[in-house]
């Protein structure tokens, strides 16, 4: 009688284990084939790392005019300007979901950002590269290249942007 109970409990554990294994495999397959996007439940973020002088305050993706807007604040002690050869800001869609290639901004030659100041940086995605898809999450790499006012060495910062397109 004791062996029968032990055998029944082992069979029950194996059965429950197989059910859990099948359920996890099904969820894993849904995630792998992008049917289920767990990243969509994460909050929108914009981080710029590097020298520690730039902070992304606000961000928005607008599929109507195919633009991504960032509000960048200078949290450093020196004024930031656009260098002679430096591209101010670029974004790169990591998964090529919305666009391919790198989108660069064209900053005016007199562009500068004083300590504590905040300015909008707007990226317009060319229709030849793609378009922002409503409901999808944009995961992009942000690159900033700049020079301190009166400086000669190009500074750089790289970060990431994750935003759900409305």
Protein backbone atom coordinates (compact mmCIF):
# COMPACT_ATOMS: atom_id res chain seq x y z
CA UNK A 1 0.00 0.00 0.00
CA UNK A 2 2.85 2.39 0.83
CA UNK A 3 4.50 1.86 -2.57
CA UNK A 4 1.27 2.76 -4.37
CA UNK A 5 1.02 6.12 -2.55
CA UNK A 6 4.64 6.93 -3.28
CA UNK A 7 4.18 6.02 -6.93
CA UNK A 8 1.03 8.18 -7.16
CA UNK A 9 2.78 11.22 -5.66
CA UNK A 10 5.75 10.83 -8.02
CA UNK A 11 3.44 10.50 -11.03
CA UNK A 12 1.52 13.60 -9.89
CA UNK A 13 4.74 15.62 -9.52
CA UNK A 14 5.93 14.52 -12.95
CA UNK A 15 2.56 15.40 -14.49
CA UNK A 16 2.52 18.87 -12.90
CA UNK A 17 6.15 19.38 -13.92
CA UNK A 18 5.33 18.55 -17.55
CA UNK A 19 2.35 20.93 -17.51
CA UNK A 20 4.57 23.75 -16.20
CA UNK A 21 7.26 22.89 -18.78
CA UNK A 22 4.74 23.00 -21.66
CA UNK A 23 3.29 26.31 -20.42
CA UNK A 24 6.76 27.91 -20.13
CA UNK A 25 7.70 26.61 -23.57
CA UNK A 26 4.54 28.14 -25.06
CA UNK A 27 5.23 31.52 -23.43
CA UNK A 28 8.87 31.33 -24.58
CA UNK A 29 7.78 30.63 -28.16
CA UNK A 30 5.37 33.60 -28.10
CA UNK A 31 8.17 35.87 -26.88
CA UNK A 32 10.67 34.48 -29.42
CA UNK A 33 8.35 35.08 -32.38
CA UNK A 34 7.44 38.61 -31.15
CA UNK A 35 3.80 37.72 -30.58
CA UNK A 36 4.16 38.65 -26.92
CA UNK A 37 6.28 41.75 -26.18
CA UNK A 38 7.14 41.94 -22.50
CA UNK A 39 9.16 45.11 -23.15
CA UNK A 40 5.90 46.92 -23.83
CA UNK A 41 5.12 46.69 -20.11
CA UNK A 42 8.31 48.52 -19.15
CA UNK A 43 8.17 52.29 -18.63
CA UNK A 44 9.46 54.65 -21.31
CA UNK A 45 13.04 55.71 -20.63
CA UNK A 46 15.67 58.02 -22.06
CA UNK A 47 19.20 57.84 -20.64
CA UNK A 48 22.37 59.51 -21.84
CA UNK A 49 25.61 58.30 -20.26
CA UNK A 50 29.17 59.37 -20.89
CA UNK A 51 30.66 62.55 -19.49
CA UNK A 52 27.65 63.08 -17.23
CA UNK A 53 26.89 66.51 -18.69
CA UNK A 54 23.66 65.67 -20.52
CA UNK A 55 20.31 64.49 -19.20
CA UNK A 56 17.25 63.56 -21.21
CA UNK A 57 14.33 65.29 -19.46
CA UNK A 58 11.35 64.68 -21.77
CA UNK A 59 10.82 62.65 -24.92
CA UNK A 60 8.07 62.00 -27.42
CA UNK A 61 7.53 60.09 -30.66
CA UNK A 62 5.01 61.55 -33.10
CA UNK A 63 3.95 59.19 -35.91
CA UNK A 64 1.86 61.94 -37.57
CA UNK A 65 4.93 63.88 -38.73
CA UNK A 66 7.45 61.00 -38.28
CA UNK A 67 9.53 62.77 -35.62
CA UNK A 68 11.17 61.93 -32.30
CA UNK A 69 11.69 64.87 -29.92
CA UNK A 70 14.01 64.93 -26.91
CA UNK A 71 14.48 67.66 -24.32
CA UNK A 72 18.15 67.68 -23.37
CA UNK A 73 19.43 69.47 -20.24
CA UNK A 74 23.04 70.44 -19.57
CA UNK A 75 23.65 69.29 -16.00
CA UNK A 76 27.39 69.96 -16.21
CA UNK A 77 29.39 73.02 -15.25
CA UNK A 78 30.51 74.09 -18.74
CA UNK A 79 28.64 75.44 -21.76
CA UNK A 80 28.26 72.87 -24.54
CA UNK A 81 28.56 73.84 -28.21
CA UNK A 82 28.55 72.10 -31.54
CA UNK A 83 32.09 71.31 -32.64
CA UNK A 84 33.52 71.99 -36.08
CA UNK A 85 33.39 68.36 -37.18
CA UNK A 86 31.05 66.92 -34.58
CA UNK A 87 27.54 65.78 -35.36
CA UNK A 88 25.33 67.02 -32.54
CA UNK A 89 22.89 64.12 -31.99
CA UNK A 90 22.04 60.85 -33.74
CA UNK A 91 19.60 58.00 -33.04
CA UNK A 92 19.79 54.46 -34.33
CA UNK A 93 16.85 52.02 -34.19
CA UNK A 94 18.38 48.91 -32.59
CA UNK A 95 15.84 46.48 -34.01
CA UNK A 96 15.08 48.22 -37.34
CA UNK A 97 11.40 48.14 -36.36
CA UNK A 98 10.66 51.72 -37.35
CA UNK A 99 13.56 52.81 -39.54
CA UNK A 100 16.89 51.60 -40.84
CA UNK A 101 20.18 53.38 -40.60
CA UNK A 102 21.06 56.35 -38.42
CA UNK A 103 19.04 59.56 -38.20
CA UNK A 104 21.15 62.68 -37.58
CA UNK A 105 20.12 66.14 -36.52
CA UNK A 106 21.37 69.31 -38.16
CA UNK A 107 22.13 71.81 -35.43
CA UNK A 108 22.76 75.47 -36.30
CA UNK A 109 26.41 76.54 -36.18
CA UNK A 110 25.73 78.90 -33.25
CA UNK A 111 23.99 76.19 -31.20
CA UNK A 112 24.99 76.09 -27.55
CA UNK A 113 23.63 74.81 -24.26
CA UNK A 114 24.50 76.71 -21.08
CA UNK A 115 24.74 74.93 -17.70
CA UNK A 116 21.23 74.22 -16.42
CA UNK A 117 19.60 75.11 -19.77
CA UNK A 118 17.29 72.79 -21.67
CA UNK A 119 16.72 72.58 -25.43
CA UNK A 120 14.67 70.42 -27.74
CA UNK A 121 16.44 68.12 -30.17
CA UNK A 122 14.17 66.90 -32.97
CA UNK A 123 14.84 63.94 -35.24
CA UNK A 124 12.88 63.74 -38.49
CA UNK A 125 12.89 60.25 -39.96
CA UNK A 126 13.07 60.33 -43.77
CA UNK A 127 10.30 58.38 -45.45
CA UNK A 128 12.95 56.49 -47.44
CA UNK A 129 14.32 55.04 -44.16
CA UNK A 130 10.94 54.06 -42.70
CA UNK A 131 8.23 55.43 -40.46
CA UNK A 132 7.16 55.33 -36.82
CA UNK A 133 4.63 52.54 -36.34
CA UNK A 134 1.84 53.30 -33.87
CA UNK A 135 1.66 50.89 -30.96
CA UNK A 136 5.19 49.55 -31.41
CA UNK A 137 8.07 50.27 -29.04
CA UNK A 138 11.06 52.23 -30.36
CA UNK A 139 14.33 51.01 -28.87
CA UNK A 140 17.08 53.29 -30.07
CA UNK A 141 20.65 54.24 -29.29
CA UNK A 142 21.30 57.96 -28.79
CA UNK A 143 24.73 59.39 -29.55
CA UNK A 144 25.78 62.94 -28.72
CA UNK A 145 29.01 64.54 -29.90
CA UNK A 146 29.87 68.04 -28.74
CA UNK A 147 32.63 70.37 -27.56
CA UNK A 148 32.87 72.48 -24.44
CA UNK A 149 32.83 76.22 -25.15
CA UNK A 150 36.43 77.25 -25.67
CA UNK A 151 37.52 73.61 -25.86
CA UNK A 152 39.08 71.73 -28.75
CA UNK A 153 38.51 68.06 -27.87
CA UNK A 154 35.30 66.40 -29.02
CA UNK A 155 33.27 64.95 -26.15
CA UNK A 156 30.85 62.09 -26.54
CA UNK A 157 27.93 60.50 -24.80
CA UNK A 158 25.88 57.44 -25.69
CA UNK A 159 22.57 56.35 -24.25
CA UNK A 160 19.39 54.50 -24.93
CA UNK A 161 15.81 55.46 -25.67
CA UNK A 162 12.81 53.20 -25.17
CA UNK A 163 9.48 54.78 -26.02
CA UNK A 164 6.12 53.40 -27.04
CA UNK A 165 4.83 55.18 -30.14
CA UNK A 166 1.25 56.38 -29.47
